[in-house]
């Protein structure tokens, strides 16, 4: 699976460059090295971090708790008419 993903990524990079020249290959290798160096987090850890963040910040979330009409930027504006 990893090798297939690697080959698919190479094909995508070549398709974007429009050629299979040495320059395109160097760019592909450079991009793959960049991606290989990224710090990866397991999905289970990311989900746990996201859940913890949501629980910690739930009190300040206006979508969960609502907001006063004076602080609501989406409230209907009153019309001021001069006669």
PDB file of N, CA and C in Angstrom:
ATOM      1  N   UNK A   1       0.824  -1.205   0.000  1.00  0.00           N
ATOM      2  CA  UNK A   1       0.000   0.000   0.000  1.00  0.00           C
ATOM      3  C   UNK A   1       0.864   1.263   0.000  1.00  0.00           C
ATOM      4  N   UNK A   2       1.905   1.254   0.782  1.00  0.00           N
ATOM      5  CA  UNK A   2       2.783   2.419   0.867  1.00  0.00           C
ATOM      6  C   UNK A   2       3.489   2.647  -0.470  1.00  0.00           C
ATOM      7  N   UNK A   3       3.920   1.551  -1.087  1.00  0.00           N
ATOM      8  CA  UNK A   3       4.595   1.672  -2.370  1.00  0.00           C
ATOM      9  C   UNK A   3       3.623   2.156  -3.444  1.00  0.00           C
ATOM     10  N   UNK A   4       2.374   1.673  -3.409  1.00  0.00           N
ATOM     11  CA  UNK A   4       1.372   2.119  -4.372  1.00  0.00           C
ATOM     12  C   UNK A   4       1.077   3.603  -4.186  1.00  0.00           C
ATOM     13  N   UNK A   5       0.979   4.042  -2.946  1.00  0.00           N
ATOM     14  CA  UNK A   5       0.740   5.457  -2.674  1.00  0.00           C
ATOM     15  C   UNK A   5       1.899   6.302  -3.173  1.00  0.00           C
ATOM     16  N   UNK A   6       3.110   5.803  -2.995  1.00  0.00           N
ATOM     17  CA  UNK A   6       4.297   6.506  -3.476  1.00  0.00           C
ATOM     18  C   UNK A   6       4.259   6.654  -4.998  1.00  0.00           C
ATOM     19  N   UNK A   7       3.953   5.561  -5.691  1.00  0.00           N
ATOM     20  CA  UNK A   7       3.909   5.600  -7.150  1.00  0.00           C
ATOM     21  C   UNK A   7       2.779   6.493  -7.653  1.00  0.00           C
ATOM     22  N   UNK A   8       1.634   6.454  -6.990  1.00  0.00           N
ATOM     23  CA  UNK A   8       0.523   7.317  -7.389  1.00  0.00           C
ATOM     24  C   UNK A   8       0.895   8.774  -7.198  1.00  0.00           C
ATOM     25  N   UNK A   9       1.602   9.072  -6.113  1.00  0.00           N
ATOM     26  CA  UNK A   9       2.034  10.446  -5.845  1.00  0.00           C
ATOM     27  C   UNK A   9       3.019  10.908  -6.923  1.00  0.00           C
ATOM     28  N   UNK A  10       3.942  10.034  -7.309  1.00  0.00           N
ATOM     29  CA  UNK A  10       4.887  10.376  -8.370  1.00  0.00           C
ATOM     30  C   UNK A  10       4.161  10.649  -9.684  1.00  0.00           C
ATOM     31  N   UNK A  11       3.198   9.811 -10.020  1.00  0.00           N
ATOM     32  CA  UNK A  11       2.443  10.001 -11.255  1.00  0.00           C
ATOM     33  C   UNK A  11       1.694  11.330 -11.237  1.00  0.00           C
ATOM     34  N   UNK A  12       1.152  11.670 -10.089  1.00  0.00           N
ATOM     35  CA  UNK A  12       0.421  12.933  -9.967  1.00  0.00           C
ATOM     36  C   UNK A  12       1.370  14.119 -10.167  1.00  0.00           C
ATOM     37  N   UNK A  13       2.543  14.050  -9.579  1.00  0.00           N
ATOM     38  CA  UNK A  13       3.520  15.140  -9.718  1.00  0.00           C
ATOM     39  C   UNK A  13       3.953  15.267 -11.172  1.00  0.00           C
ATOM     40  N   UNK A  14       4.200  14.134 -11.855  1.00  0.00           N
ATOM     41  CA  UNK A  14       4.586  14.189 -13.257  1.00  0.00           C
ATOM     42  C   UNK A  14       3.468  14.742 -14.120  1.00  0.00           C
ATOM     43  N   UNK A  15       2.239  14.362 -13.824  1.00  0.00           N
ATOM     44  CA  UNK A  15       1.102  14.866 -14.598  1.00  0.00           C
ATOM     45  C   UNK A  15       0.977  16.373 -14.438  1.00  0.00           C
ATOM     46  N   UNK A  16       1.245  16.873 -13.247  1.00  0.00           N
ATOM     47  CA  UNK A  16       1.152  18.308 -12.992  1.00  0.00           C
ATOM     48  C   UNK A  16       2.278  19.053 -13.721  1.00  0.00           C
ATOM     49  N   UNK A  17       3.442  18.445 -13.820  1.00  0.00           N
ATOM     50  CA  UNK A  17       4.568  19.122 -14.448  1.00  0.00           C
ATOM     51  C   UNK A  17       4.495  19.039 -15.969  1.00  0.00           C
ATOM     52  N   UNK A  18       3.765  18.056 -16.494  1.00  0.00           N
ATOM     53  CA  UNK A  18       3.608  17.934 -17.927  1.00  0.00           C
ATOM     54  C   UNK A  18       4.757  17.229 -18.615  1.00  0.00           C
ATOM     55  N   UNK A  19       5.725  16.739 -17.878  1.00  0.00           N
ATOM     56  CA  UNK A  19       6.834  16.020 -18.501  1.00  0.00           C
ATOM     57  C   UNK A  19       7.464  15.076 -17.499  1.00  0.00           C
ATOM     58  N   UNK A  20       8.309  14.197 -18.012  1.00  0.00           N
ATOM     59  CA  UNK A  20       9.024  13.275 -17.121  1.00  0.00           C
ATOM     60  C   UNK A  20      10.515  13.561 -17.184  1.00  0.00           C
ATOM     61  N   UNK A  21      10.860  14.808 -17.302  1.00  0.00           N
ATOM     62  CA  UNK A  21      12.263  15.203 -17.420  1.00  0.00           C
ATOM     63  C   UNK A  21      12.981  15.082 -16.083  1.00  0.00           C
ATOM     64  N   UNK A  22      14.270  15.284 -16.128  1.00  0.00           N
ATOM     65  CA  UNK A  22      15.100  15.253 -14.916  1.00  0.00           C
ATOM     66  C   UNK A  22      14.652  16.323 -13.934  1.00  0.00           C
ATOM     67  N   UNK A  23      14.308  17.488 -14.447  1.00  0.00           N
ATOM     68  CA  UNK A  23      13.866  18.587 -13.580  1.00  0.00           C
ATOM     69  C   UNK A  23      12.601  18.179 -12.833  1.00  0.00           C
ATOM     70  N   UNK A  24      11.657  17.566 -13.555  1.00  0.00           N
ATOM     71  CA  UNK A  24      10.413  17.130 -12.917  1.00  0.00           C
ATOM     72  C   UNK A  24      10.689  16.057 -11.873  1.00  0.00           C
ATOM     73  N   UNK A  25      11.615  15.166 -12.179  1.00  0.00           N
ATOM     74  CA  UNK A  25      11.964  14.112 -11.215  1.00  0.00           C
ATOM     75  C   UNK A  25      12.604  14.705  -9.966  1.00  0.00           C
ATOM     76  N   UNK A  26      13.470  15.684 -10.138  1.00  0.00           N
ATOM     77  CA  UNK A  26      14.090  16.332  -8.979  1.00  0.00           C
ATOM     78  C   UNK A  26      13.047  17.029  -8.126  1.00  0.00           C
ATOM     79  N   UNK A  27      12.088  17.696  -8.783  1.00  0.00           N
ATOM     80  CA  UNK A  27      11.012  18.338  -8.034  1.00  0.00           C
ATOM     81  C   UNK A  27      10.183  17.307  -7.286  1.00  0.00           C
ATOM     82  N   UNK A  28       9.937  16.177  -7.928  1.00  0.00           N
ATOM     83  CA  UNK A  28       9.156  15.115  -7.291  1.00  0.00           C
ATOM     84  C   UNK A  28       9.880  14.585  -6.061  1.00  0.00           C
ATOM     85  N   UNK A  29      11.161  14.330  -6.193  1.00  0.00           N
ATOM     86  CA  UNK A  29      11.948  13.828  -5.067  1.00  0.00           C
ATOM     87  C   UNK A  29      11.986  14.858  -3.942  1.00  0.00           C
ATOM     88  N   UNK A  30      12.159  16.121  -4.298  1.00  0.00           N
ATOM     89  CA  UNK A  30      12.176  17.176  -3.287  1.00  0.00           C
ATOM     90  C   UNK A  30      10.839  17.236  -2.539  1.00  0.00           C
ATOM     91  N   UNK A  31       9.729  17.153  -3.278  1.00  0.00           N
ATOM     92  CA  UNK A  31       8.414  17.182  -2.652  1.00  0.00           C
ATOM     93  C   UNK A  31       8.199  15.968  -1.760  1.00  0.00           C
ATOM     94  N   UNK A  32       8.597  14.800  -2.216  1.00  0.00           N
ATOM     95  CA  UNK A  32       8.437  13.590  -1.419  1.00  0.00           C
ATOM     96  C   UNK A  32       9.296  13.631  -0.164  1.00  0.00           C
ATOM     97  N   UNK A  33      10.499  14.181  -0.255  1.00  0.00           N
ATOM     98  CA  UNK A  33      11.331  14.323   0.940  1.00  0.00           C
ATOM     99  C   UNK A  33      10.686  15.265   1.943  1.00  0.00           C
ATOM    100  N   UNK A  34      10.094  16.338   1.427  1.00  0.00           N
ATOM    101  CA  UNK A  34       9.397  17.281   2.297  1.00  0.00           C
ATOM    102  C   UNK A  34       8.239  16.593   3.021  1.00  0.00           C
ATOM    103  N   UNK A  35       7.450  15.834   2.263  1.00  0.00           N
ATOM    104  CA  UNK A  35       6.309  15.142   2.853  1.00  0.00           C
ATOM    105  C   UNK A  35       6.750  14.048   3.822  1.00  0.00           C
ATOM    106  N   UNK A  36       7.846  13.379   3.533  1.00  0.00           N
ATOM    107  CA  UNK A  36       8.334  12.315   4.413  1.00  0.00           C
ATOM    108  C   UNK A  36       8.818  12.884   5.745  1.00  0.00           C
ATOM    109  N   UNK A  37       9.261  14.136   5.736  1.00  0.00           N
ATOM    110  CA  UNK A  37       9.775  14.750   6.954  1.00  0.00           C
ATOM    111  C   UNK A  37       8.703  15.341   7.854  1.00  0.00           C
ATOM    112  N   UNK A  38       7.444  15.328   7.408  1.00  0.00           N
ATOM    113  CA  UNK A  38       6.373  15.901   8.226  1.00  0.00           C
ATOM    114  C   UNK A  38       6.117  15.052   9.458  1.00  0.00           C
ATOM    115  N   UNK A  39       5.820  15.712  10.558  1.00  0.00           N
ATOM    116  CA  UNK A  39       5.479  15.019  11.786  1.00  0.00           C
ATOM    117  C   UNK A  39       4.038  14.536  11.684  1.00  0.00           C
ATOM    118  N   UNK A  40       3.831  13.255  11.797  1.00  0.00           N
ATOM    119  CA  UNK A  40       2.496  12.684  11.654  1.00  0.00           C
ATOM    120  C   UNK A  40       1.952  12.283  13.017  1.00  0.00           C
ATOM    121  N   UNK A  41       0.644  12.441  13.152  1.00  0.00           N
ATOM    122  CA  UNK A  41      -0.037  12.094  14.393  1.00  0.00           C
ATOM    123  C   UNK A  41      -1.073  11.033  14.061  1.00  0.00           C
ATOM    124  N   UNK A  42      -1.198  10.027  14.910  1.00  0.00           N
ATOM    125  CA  UNK A  42      -2.199   8.992  14.682  1.00  0.00           C
ATOM    126  C   UNK A  42      -3.591   9.611  14.759  1.00  0.00           C
ATOM    127  N   UNK A  43      -4.500   9.069  13.977  1.00  0.00           N
ATOM    128  CA  UNK A  43      -5.867   9.586  13.944  1.00  0.00           C
ATOM    129  C   UNK A  43      -6.508   9.490  15.326  1.00  0.00           C
ATOM    130  N   UNK A  44      -6.251   8.421  16.038  1.00  0.00           N
ATOM    131  CA  UNK A  44      -6.834   8.259  17.368  1.00  0.00           C
ATOM    132  C   UNK A  44      -6.347   9.360  18.312  1.00  0.00           C
ATOM    133  N   UNK A  45      -5.074   9.727  18.200  1.00  0.00           N
ATOM    134  CA  UNK A  45      -4.533  10.797  19.043  1.00  0.00           C
ATOM    135  C   UNK A  45      -5.108  12.144  18.640  1.00  0.00           C
ATOM    136  N   UNK A  46      -5.222  12.409  17.341  1.00  0.00           N
ATOM    137  CA  UNK A  46      -5.797  13.668  16.866  1.00  0.00           C
ATOM    138  C   UNK A  46      -7.254  13.786  17.301  1.00  0.00           C
ATOM    139  N   UNK A  47      -8.007  12.694  17.230  1.00  0.00           N
ATOM    140  CA  UNK A  47      -9.411  12.708  17.648  1.00  0.00           C
ATOM    141  C   UNK A  47      -9.530  12.978  19.146  1.00  0.00           C
ATOM    142  N   UNK A  48      -8.659  12.371  19.929  1.00  0.00           N
ATOM    143  CA  UNK A  48      -8.684  12.596  21.376  1.00  0.00           C
ATOM    144  C   UNK A  48      -8.337  14.049  21.708  1.00  0.00           C
ATOM    145  N   UNK A  49      -7.347  14.608  21.006  1.00  0.00           N
ATOM    146  CA  UNK A  49      -6.971  16.009  21.218  1.00  0.00           C
ATOM    147  C   UNK A  49      -8.113  16.944  20.836  1.00  0.00           C
ATOM    148  N   UNK A  50      -8.773  16.660  19.733  1.00  0.00           N
ATOM    149  CA  UNK A  50      -9.891  17.486  19.287  1.00  0.00           C
ATOM    150  C   UNK A  50     -11.054  17.416  20.275  1.00  0.00           C
ATOM    151  N   UNK A  51     -11.340  16.229  20.765  1.00  0.00           N
ATOM    152  CA  UNK A  51     -12.414  16.068  21.750  1.00  0.00           C
ATOM    153  C   UNK A  51     -12.078  16.830  23.030  1.00  0.00           C
ATOM    154  N   UNK A  52     -10.852  16.734  23.479  1.00  0.00           N
ATOM    155  CA  UNK A  52     -10.422  17.442  24.695  1.00  0.00           C
ATOM    156  C   UNK A  52     -10.533  18.966  24.495  1.00  0.00           C
ATOM    157  N   UNK A  53     -10.122  19.456  23.337  1.00  0.00           N
ATOM    158  CA  UNK A  53     -10.224  20.877  23.036  1.00  0.00           C
ATOM    159  C   UNK A  53     -11.683  21.338  23.049  1.00  0.00           C
ATOM    160  N   UNK A  54     -12.553  20.559  22.428  1.00  0.00           N
ATOM    161  CA  UNK A  54     -13.978  20.934  22.386  1.00  0.00           C
ATOM    162  C   UNK A  54     -14.584  20.978  23.785  1.00  0.00           C
ATOM    163  N   UNK A  55     -14.250  20.015  24.598  1.00  0.00           N
ATOM    164  CA  UNK A  55     -14.786  19.992  25.968  1.00  0.00           C
ATOM    165  C   UNK A  55     -14.250  21.166  26.774  1.00  0.00           C
ATOM    166  N   UNK A  56     -12.967  21.486  26.632  1.00  0.00           N
ATOM    167  CA  UNK A  56     -12.372  22.588  27.388  1.00  0.00           C
ATOM    168  C   UNK A  56     -12.942  23.939  26.985  1.00  0.00           C
ATOM    169  N   UNK A  57     -13.341  24.103  25.721  1.00  0.00           N
ATOM    170  CA  UNK A  57     -13.793  25.398  25.225  1.00  0.00           C
ATOM    171  C   UNK A  57     -15.302  25.488  25.018  1.00  0.00           C
ATOM    172  N   UNK A  58     -16.035  24.503  25.488  1.00  0.00           N
ATOM    173  CA  UNK A  58     -17.483  24.483  25.275  1.00  0.00           C
ATOM    174  C   UNK A  58     -18.179  25.660  25.956  1.00  0.00           C
ATOM    175  N   UNK A  59     -17.671  26.116  27.083  1.00  0.00           N
ATOM    176  CA  UNK A  59     -18.325  27.217  27.809  1.00  0.00           C
ATOM    177  C   UNK A  59     -18.279  28.526  27.032  1.00  0.00           C
ATOM    178  N   UNK A  60     -17.274  28.718  26.200  1.00  0.00           N
ATOM    179  CA  UNK A  60     -17.133  29.962  25.449  1.00  0.00           C
ATOM    180  C   UNK A  60     -17.718  29.876  24.047  1.00  0.00           C
ATOM    181  N   UNK A  61     -18.306  28.750  23.674  1.00  0.00           N
ATOM    182  CA  UNK A  61     -18.807  28.555  22.321  1.00  0.00           C
ATOM    183  C   UNK A  61     -20.222  29.123  22.177  1.00  0.00           C
ATOM    184  N   UNK A  62     -20.393  30.192  21.392  1.00  0.00           N
ATOM    185  CA  UNK A  62     -21.723  30.791  21.247  1.00  0.00           C
ATOM    186  C   UNK A  62     -22.696  29.895  20.489  1.00  0.00           C
ATOM    187  N   UNK A  63     -22.215  28.944  19.714  1.00  0.00           N
ATOM    188  CA  UNK A  63     -23.117  28.023  19.030  1.00  0.00           C
ATOM    189  C   UNK A  63     -23.733  27.020  19.992  1.00  0.00           C
ATOM    190  N   UNK A  64     -23.034  26.727  21.069  1.00  0.00           N
ATOM    191  CA  UNK A  64     -23.572  25.811  22.071  1.00  0.00           C
ATOM    192  C   UNK A  64     -24.390  26.537  23.134  1.00  0.00           C
ATOM    193  N   UNK A  65     -23.948  27.725  23.521  1.00  0.00           N
ATOM    194  CA  UNK A  65     -24.559  28.437  24.640  1.00  0.00           C
ATOM    195  C   UNK A  65     -25.437  29.606  24.223  1.00  0.00           C
ATOM    196  N   UNK A  66     -25.400  29.968  22.980  1.00  0.00           N
ATOM    197  CA  UNK A  66     -26.156  31.125  22.536  1.00  0.00           C
ATOM    198  C   UNK A  66     -25.422  32.402  22.915  1.00  0.00           C
ATOM    199  N   UNK A  67     -25.981  33.524  22.512  1.00  0.00           N
ATOM    200  CA  UNK A  67     -25.382  34.808  22.857  1.00  0.00           C
ATOM    201  C   UNK A  67     -26.489  35.816  23.072  1.00  0.00           C
ATOM    202  N   UNK A  68     -26.140  36.851  23.763  1.00  0.00           N
ATOM    203  CA  UNK A  68     -27.128  37.893  24.002  1.00  0.00           C
ATOM    204  C   UNK A  68     -27.392  38.638  22.699  1.00  0.00           C
ATOM    205  N   UNK A  69     -28.576  39.205  22.585  1.00  0.00           N
ATOM    206  CA  UNK A  69     -28.919  39.884  21.336  1.00  0.00           C
ATOM    207  C   UNK A  69     -28.043  41.112  21.106  1.00  0.00           C
ATOM    208  N   UNK A  70     -27.552  41.727  22.165  1.00  0.00           N
ATOM    209  CA  UNK A  70     -26.697  42.909  21.985  1.00  0.00           C
ATOM    210  C   UNK A  70     -25.326  42.536  21.413  1.00  0.00           C
ATOM    211  N   UNK A  71     -24.877  41.300  21.639  1.00  0.00           N
ATOM    212  CA  UNK A  71     -23.576  40.850  21.127  1.00  0.00           C
ATOM    213  C   UNK A  71     -23.696  40.093  19.810  1.00  0.00           C
ATOM    214  N   UNK A  72     -24.906  39.879  19.329  1.00  0.00           N
ATOM    215  CA  UNK A  72     -25.117  39.079  18.137  1.00  0.00           C
ATOM    216  C   UNK A  72     -24.955  39.935  16.882  1.00  0.00           C
ATOM    217  N   UNK A  73     -23.918  39.706  16.089  1.00  0.00           N
ATOM    218  CA  UNK A  73     -23.718  40.511  14.881  1.00  0.00           C
ATOM    219  C   UNK A  73     -24.722  40.171  13.776  1.00  0.00           C
ATOM    220  N   UNK A  74     -25.467  39.076  13.924  1.00  0.00           N
ATOM    221  CA  UNK A  74     -26.406  38.647  12.895  1.00  0.00           C
ATOM    222  C   UNK A  74     -27.858  38.984  13.224  1.00  0.00           C
ATOM    223  N   UNK A  75     -28.064  39.721  14.293  1.00  0.00           N
ATOM    224  CA  UNK A  75     -29.439  40.066  14.666  1.00  0.00           C
ATOM    225  C   UNK A  75     -30.025  41.006  13.621  1.00  0.00           C
ATOM    226  N   UNK A  76     -31.315  40.974  13.437  1.00  0.00           N
ATOM    227  CA  UNK A  76     -31.937  41.897  12.504  1.00  0.00           C
ATOM    228  C   UNK A  76     -31.770  43.325  12.993  1.00  0.00           C
ATOM    229  N   UNK A  77     -31.365  44.197  12.106  1.00  0.00           N
ATOM    230  CA  UNK A  77     -31.166  45.580  12.468  1.00  0.00           C
ATOM    231  C   UNK A  77     -32.498  46.320  12.473  1.00  0.00           C
ATOM    232  N   UNK A  78     -32.643  47.200  13.418  1.00  0.00           N
ATOM    233  CA  UNK A  78     -33.854  48.013  13.449  1.00  0.00           C
ATOM    234  C   UNK A  78     -33.732  49.126  12.419  1.00  0.00           C
ATOM    235  N   UNK A  79     -34.843  49.474  11.870  1.00  0.00           N
ATOM    236  CA  UNK A  79     -34.851  50.511  10.862  1.00  0.00           C
ATOM    237  C   UNK A  79     -35.137  51.836  11.544  1.00  0.00           C
ATOM    238  N   UNK A  80     -34.332  52.805  11.237  1.00  0.00           N
ATOM    239  CA  UNK A  80     -34.530  54.145  11.799  1.00  0.00           C
ATOM    240  C   UNK A  80     -35.078  55.023  10.677  1.00  0.00           C
ATOM    241  N   UNK A  81     -36.299  55.448  10.837  1.00  0.00           N
ATOM    242  CA  UNK A  81     -36.905  56.237   9.771  1.00  0.00           C
ATOM    243  C   UNK A  81     -37.235  57.631  10.306  1.00  0.00           C
ATOM    244  N   UNK A  82     -36.873  58.612   9.543  1.00  0.00           N
ATOM    245  CA  UNK A  82     -37.218  59.988   9.894  1.00  0.00           C
ATOM    246  C   UNK A  82     -38.397  60.408   9.017  1.00  0.00           C
ATOM    247  N   UNK A  83     -39.381  60.964   9.651  1.00  0.00           N
ATOM    248  CA  UNK A  83     -40.551  61.435   8.897  1.00  0.00           C
ATOM    249  C   UNK A  83     -40.493  62.877   8.622  1.00  0.00           C
TER     250      UNK A  83
END
